[in-house]
Amino acid sequence: MSEISEPTQHLGWDMADRLHKSLRVSGVGVSEMAEHLEVSRNTVSNYLHDRTVPSVATLRVWALRCGVPYRWLRDGIDQPTSPDTPSGL
């Protein structure tokens, strides 16, 4: 019989995961987000692949465009859902 060891890493979502999920649930594409943020598609890709951390201003605009809570996007902190919050977050 073998023992299952505890995971050595936290298995929660990081910011890149939350950015991906916010795009998916809102139906916003990478190119559309890049245009909305007035940045290159490559910049958005860097955010999504955790190579660059978006600024606070960028995260606020991203959250508004996707209809997700800013605090959830930034920190992963759950907030009470409102009628305007997409389900599945």
N, C-alpha and C. Protein backbone atom coordinates (compact mmCIF):
# COMPACT_ATOMS: atom_id res chain seq x y z
N MET A 1 0.82 -1.17 0.00
CA MET A 1 0.00 0.00 0.00
C MET A 1 0.87 1.24 0.00
N SER A 2 0.58 2.19 -0.88
CA SER A 2 1.40 3.40 -0.93
C SER A 2 0.66 4.58 -0.34
N GLU A 3 1.43 5.50 0.14
CA GLU A 3 0.86 6.72 0.70
C GLU A 3 0.81 7.78 -0.38
N ILE A 4 -0.23 8.58 -0.31
CA ILE A 4 -0.31 9.71 -1.22
C ILE A 4 0.27 10.91 -0.49
N SER A 5 1.31 11.47 -1.07
CA SER A 5 1.93 12.62 -0.42
C SER A 5 1.15 13.88 -0.75
N GLU A 6 1.29 14.86 0.12
CA GLU A 6 0.61 16.12 -0.11
C GLU A 6 1.29 16.85 -1.26
N PRO A 7 0.51 17.58 -2.06
CA PRO A 7 1.12 18.33 -3.15
C PRO A 7 2.12 19.35 -2.62
N THR A 8 3.20 19.54 -3.34
CA THR A 8 4.21 20.49 -2.91
C THR A 8 3.89 21.89 -3.41
N GLN A 9 3.00 22.02 -4.36
CA GLN A 9 2.64 23.33 -4.89
C GLN A 9 1.17 23.57 -4.67
N HIS A 10 0.82 24.83 -4.55
CA HIS A 10 -0.58 25.21 -4.46
C HIS A 10 -1.21 24.98 -5.82
N LEU A 11 -2.35 24.34 -5.85
CA LEU A 11 -2.98 24.00 -7.12
C LEU A 11 -4.01 25.03 -7.58
N GLY A 12 -4.08 26.17 -6.92
CA GLY A 12 -5.02 27.22 -7.30
C GLY A 12 -4.62 27.88 -8.61
N TRP A 13 -5.55 28.64 -9.12
CA TRP A 13 -5.30 29.34 -10.38
C TRP A 13 -4.40 30.54 -10.16
N ASP A 14 -3.47 30.75 -11.08
CA ASP A 14 -2.68 31.97 -11.04
C ASP A 14 -3.35 33.01 -11.93
N MET A 15 -2.76 34.20 -12.00
CA MET A 15 -3.39 35.28 -12.76
C MET A 15 -3.57 34.90 -14.23
N ALA A 16 -2.58 34.25 -14.82
CA ALA A 16 -2.69 33.85 -16.22
C ALA A 16 -3.90 32.93 -16.43
N ASP A 17 -4.13 32.02 -15.49
CA ASP A 17 -5.29 31.13 -15.57
C ASP A 17 -6.59 31.93 -15.52
N ARG A 18 -6.64 32.91 -14.60
CA ARG A 18 -7.85 33.73 -14.48
C ARG A 18 -8.06 34.60 -15.72
N LEU A 19 -6.98 35.10 -16.31
CA LEU A 19 -7.11 35.88 -17.54
C LEU A 19 -7.70 35.01 -18.65
N HIS A 20 -7.18 33.80 -18.80
CA HIS A 20 -7.71 32.85 -19.79
C HIS A 20 -9.19 32.59 -19.56
N LYS A 21 -9.53 32.27 -18.31
CA LYS A 21 -10.92 31.93 -17.99
C LYS A 21 -11.84 33.11 -18.25
N SER A 22 -11.40 34.31 -17.91
CA SER A 22 -12.25 35.48 -18.13
C SER A 22 -12.54 35.68 -19.62
N LEU A 23 -11.55 35.44 -20.45
CA LEU A 23 -11.78 35.55 -21.90
C LEU A 23 -12.77 34.48 -22.36
N ARG A 24 -12.58 33.27 -21.86
CA ARG A 24 -13.44 32.16 -22.28
C ARG A 24 -14.90 32.39 -21.89
N VAL A 25 -15.14 32.77 -20.64
CA VAL A 25 -16.53 32.92 -20.21
C VAL A 25 -17.21 34.13 -20.83
N SER A 26 -16.42 35.12 -21.22
CA SER A 26 -17.01 36.33 -21.81
C SER A 26 -17.11 36.24 -23.33
N GLY A 27 -16.41 35.28 -23.92
CA GLY A 27 -16.43 35.15 -25.38
C GLY A 27 -15.57 36.17 -26.09
N VAL A 28 -14.67 36.80 -25.36
CA VAL A 28 -13.77 37.79 -25.95
C VAL A 28 -12.52 37.07 -26.44
N GLY A 29 -12.11 37.35 -27.66
CA GLY A 29 -10.92 36.74 -28.22
C GLY A 29 -9.67 37.54 -27.89
N VAL A 30 -8.52 36.93 -28.11
CA VAL A 30 -7.24 37.59 -27.83
C VAL A 30 -7.08 38.85 -28.67
N SER A 31 -7.37 38.76 -29.94
CA SER A 31 -7.24 39.94 -30.81
C SER A 31 -8.20 41.05 -30.40
N GLU A 32 -9.42 40.66 -30.03
CA GLU A 32 -10.40 41.64 -29.58
C GLU A 32 -9.93 42.34 -28.30
N MET A 33 -9.36 41.56 -27.37
CA MET A 33 -8.87 42.15 -26.13
C MET A 33 -7.68 43.08 -26.41
N ALA A 34 -6.80 42.66 -27.29
CA ALA A 34 -5.65 43.50 -27.64
C ALA A 34 -6.13 44.83 -28.21
N GLU A 35 -7.11 44.77 -29.08
CA GLU A 35 -7.65 46.00 -29.67
C GLU A 35 -8.30 46.86 -28.58
N HIS A 36 -9.04 46.23 -27.70
CA HIS A 36 -9.73 46.96 -26.62
C HIS A 36 -8.71 47.64 -25.69
N LEU A 37 -7.60 46.97 -25.40
CA LEU A 37 -6.57 47.51 -24.52
C LEU A 37 -5.61 48.45 -25.25
N GLU A 38 -5.72 48.47 -26.57
CA GLU A 38 -4.82 49.25 -27.42
C GLU A 38 -3.36 48.82 -27.23
N VAL A 39 -3.18 47.50 -27.26
CA VAL A 39 -1.85 46.88 -27.19
C VAL A 39 -1.77 45.84 -28.31
N SER A 40 -0.59 45.30 -28.49
CA SER A 40 -0.43 44.26 -29.52
C SER A 40 -1.00 42.93 -29.03
N ARG A 41 -1.30 42.07 -30.00
CA ARG A 41 -1.76 40.72 -29.67
C ARG A 41 -0.68 39.99 -28.88
N ASN A 42 0.58 40.27 -29.21
CA ASN A 42 1.71 39.65 -28.51
C ASN A 42 1.73 40.05 -27.03
N THR A 43 1.37 41.29 -26.74
CA THR A 43 1.32 41.73 -25.34
C THR A 43 0.27 40.93 -24.56
N VAL A 44 -0.90 40.76 -25.15
CA VAL A 44 -1.95 39.97 -24.49
C VAL A 44 -1.47 38.52 -24.32
N SER A 45 -0.82 37.99 -25.33
CA SER A 45 -0.28 36.64 -25.23
C SER A 45 0.73 36.54 -24.09
N ASN A 46 1.55 37.56 -23.91
CA ASN A 46 2.50 37.56 -22.79
C ASN A 46 1.79 37.54 -21.44
N TYR A 47 0.67 38.25 -21.33
CA TYR A 47 -0.13 38.21 -20.10
C TYR A 47 -0.67 36.79 -19.88
N LEU A 48 -1.20 36.20 -20.95
CA LEU A 48 -1.84 34.89 -20.86
C LEU A 48 -0.85 33.76 -20.58
N HIS A 49 0.40 33.97 -20.91
CA HIS A 49 1.42 32.94 -20.70
C HIS A 49 2.34 33.28 -19.53
N ASP A 50 1.90 34.25 -18.71
CA ASP A 50 2.59 34.59 -17.47
C ASP A 50 4.02 35.08 -17.69
N ARG A 51 4.26 35.70 -18.85
CA ARG A 51 5.58 36.27 -19.13
C ARG A 51 5.65 37.73 -18.71
N THR A 52 4.49 38.38 -18.63
CA THR A 52 4.39 39.79 -18.24
C THR A 52 3.19 39.94 -17.33
N VAL A 53 3.34 40.76 -16.31
CA VAL A 53 2.22 41.03 -15.41
C VAL A 53 1.54 42.32 -15.86
N PRO A 54 0.24 42.26 -16.11
CA PRO A 54 -0.48 43.47 -16.54
C PRO A 54 -0.51 44.51 -15.43
N SER A 55 -0.55 45.77 -15.83
CA SER A 55 -0.65 46.86 -14.86
C SER A 55 -2.03 46.83 -14.21
N VAL A 56 -2.16 47.57 -13.12
CA VAL A 56 -3.45 47.69 -12.43
C VAL A 56 -4.50 48.25 -13.39
N ALA A 57 -4.12 49.29 -14.14
CA ALA A 57 -5.06 49.90 -15.09
C ALA A 57 -5.51 48.89 -16.14
N THR A 58 -4.58 48.09 -16.65
CA THR A 58 -4.91 47.07 -17.64
C THR A 58 -5.85 46.03 -17.06
N LEU A 59 -5.58 45.59 -15.84
CA LEU A 59 -6.46 44.60 -15.20
C LEU A 59 -7.86 45.15 -14.99
N ARG A 60 -7.96 46.42 -14.63
CA ARG A 60 -9.29 47.02 -14.43
C ARG A 60 -10.07 47.06 -15.74
N VAL A 61 -9.42 47.46 -16.83
CA VAL A 61 -10.08 47.51 -18.14
C VAL A 61 -10.44 46.09 -18.58
N TRP A 62 -9.54 45.14 -18.38
CA TRP A 62 -9.77 43.74 -18.74
C TRP A 62 -11.00 43.21 -18.00
N ALA A 63 -11.05 43.46 -16.69
CA ALA A 63 -12.17 42.98 -15.87
C ALA A 63 -13.49 43.58 -16.36
N LEU A 64 -13.48 44.87 -16.65
CA LEU A 64 -14.71 45.51 -17.14
C LEU A 64 -15.14 44.92 -18.48
N ARG A 65 -14.19 44.72 -19.38
CA ARG A 65 -14.52 44.18 -20.71
C ARG A 65 -15.09 42.77 -20.61
N CYS A 66 -14.54 41.97 -19.70
CA CYS A 66 -14.98 40.58 -19.56
C CYS A 66 -16.14 40.41 -18.59
N GLY A 67 -16.44 41.45 -17.84
CA GLY A 67 -17.55 41.36 -16.89
C GLY A 67 -17.24 40.50 -15.68
N VAL A 68 -15.96 40.50 -15.26
CA VAL A 68 -15.57 39.73 -14.08
C VAL A 68 -15.10 40.71 -12.99
N PRO A 69 -15.16 40.30 -11.73
CA PRO A 69 -14.69 41.18 -10.66
C PRO A 69 -13.18 41.43 -10.75
N TYR A 70 -12.81 42.69 -10.60
CA TYR A 70 -11.39 43.07 -10.64
C TYR A 70 -10.59 42.31 -9.58
N ARG A 71 -11.10 42.22 -8.34
CA ARG A 71 -10.37 41.54 -7.27
C ARG A 71 -10.17 40.06 -7.58
N TRP A 72 -11.14 39.45 -8.22
CA TRP A 72 -10.98 38.05 -8.62
C TRP A 72 -9.88 37.92 -9.66
N LEU A 73 -9.90 38.82 -10.63
CA LEU A 73 -8.90 38.76 -11.70
C LEU A 73 -7.51 39.01 -11.14
N ARG A 74 -7.37 39.99 -10.27
CA ARG A 74 -6.07 40.35 -9.72
C ARG A 74 -5.56 39.33 -8.70
N ASP A 75 -6.42 38.95 -7.76
CA ASP A 75 -5.95 38.15 -6.62
C ASP A 75 -6.59 36.77 -6.49
N GLY A 76 -7.62 36.50 -7.26
CA GLY A 76 -8.33 35.24 -7.13
C GLY A 76 -9.28 35.22 -5.96
N ILE A 77 -9.57 36.40 -5.42
CA ILE A 77 -10.48 36.50 -4.28
C ILE A 77 -11.91 36.44 -4.78
N ASP A 78 -12.64 35.48 -4.25
CA ASP A 78 -14.04 35.35 -4.62
C ASP A 78 -14.85 36.49 -4.02
N GLN A 79 -15.77 36.98 -4.80
CA GLN A 79 -16.70 37.99 -4.33
C GLN A 79 -18.10 37.45 -4.55
N PRO A 80 -19.05 37.95 -3.79
CA PRO A 80 -20.43 37.52 -4.04
C PRO A 80 -20.80 37.81 -5.49
N THR A 81 -21.48 36.88 -6.11
CA THR A 81 -21.88 37.08 -7.49
C THR A 81 -23.04 38.04 -7.58
N SER A 82 -23.07 38.78 -8.65
CA SER A 82 -24.18 39.69 -8.91
C SER A 82 -24.84 39.24 -10.21
N PRO A 83 -25.99 39.77 -10.54
CA PRO A 83 -26.64 39.37 -11.79
C PRO A 83 -25.77 39.65 -13.01
N ASP A 84 -24.81 40.59 -12.90
CA ASP A 84 -23.97 40.94 -14.02
C ASP A 84 -22.70 40.07 -14.13
N THR A 85 -22.44 39.23 -13.12
CA THR A 85 -21.26 38.39 -13.13
C THR A 85 -21.53 37.09 -13.88
N PRO A 86 -20.68 36.78 -14.89
CA PRO A 86 -20.89 35.50 -15.60
C PRO A 86 -20.81 34.33 -14.65
N SER A 87 -21.64 33.33 -14.86
CA SER A 87 -21.61 32.14 -14.01
C SER A 87 -20.38 31.31 -14.33
N GLY A 88 -19.99 30.49 -13.43
CA GLY A 88 -18.86 29.59 -13.65
C GLY A 88 -17.53 30.15 -13.20
N LEU A 89 -17.53 31.29 -12.52
CA LEU A 89 -16.28 31.84 -12.03
C LEU A 89 -16.01 31.37 -10.63
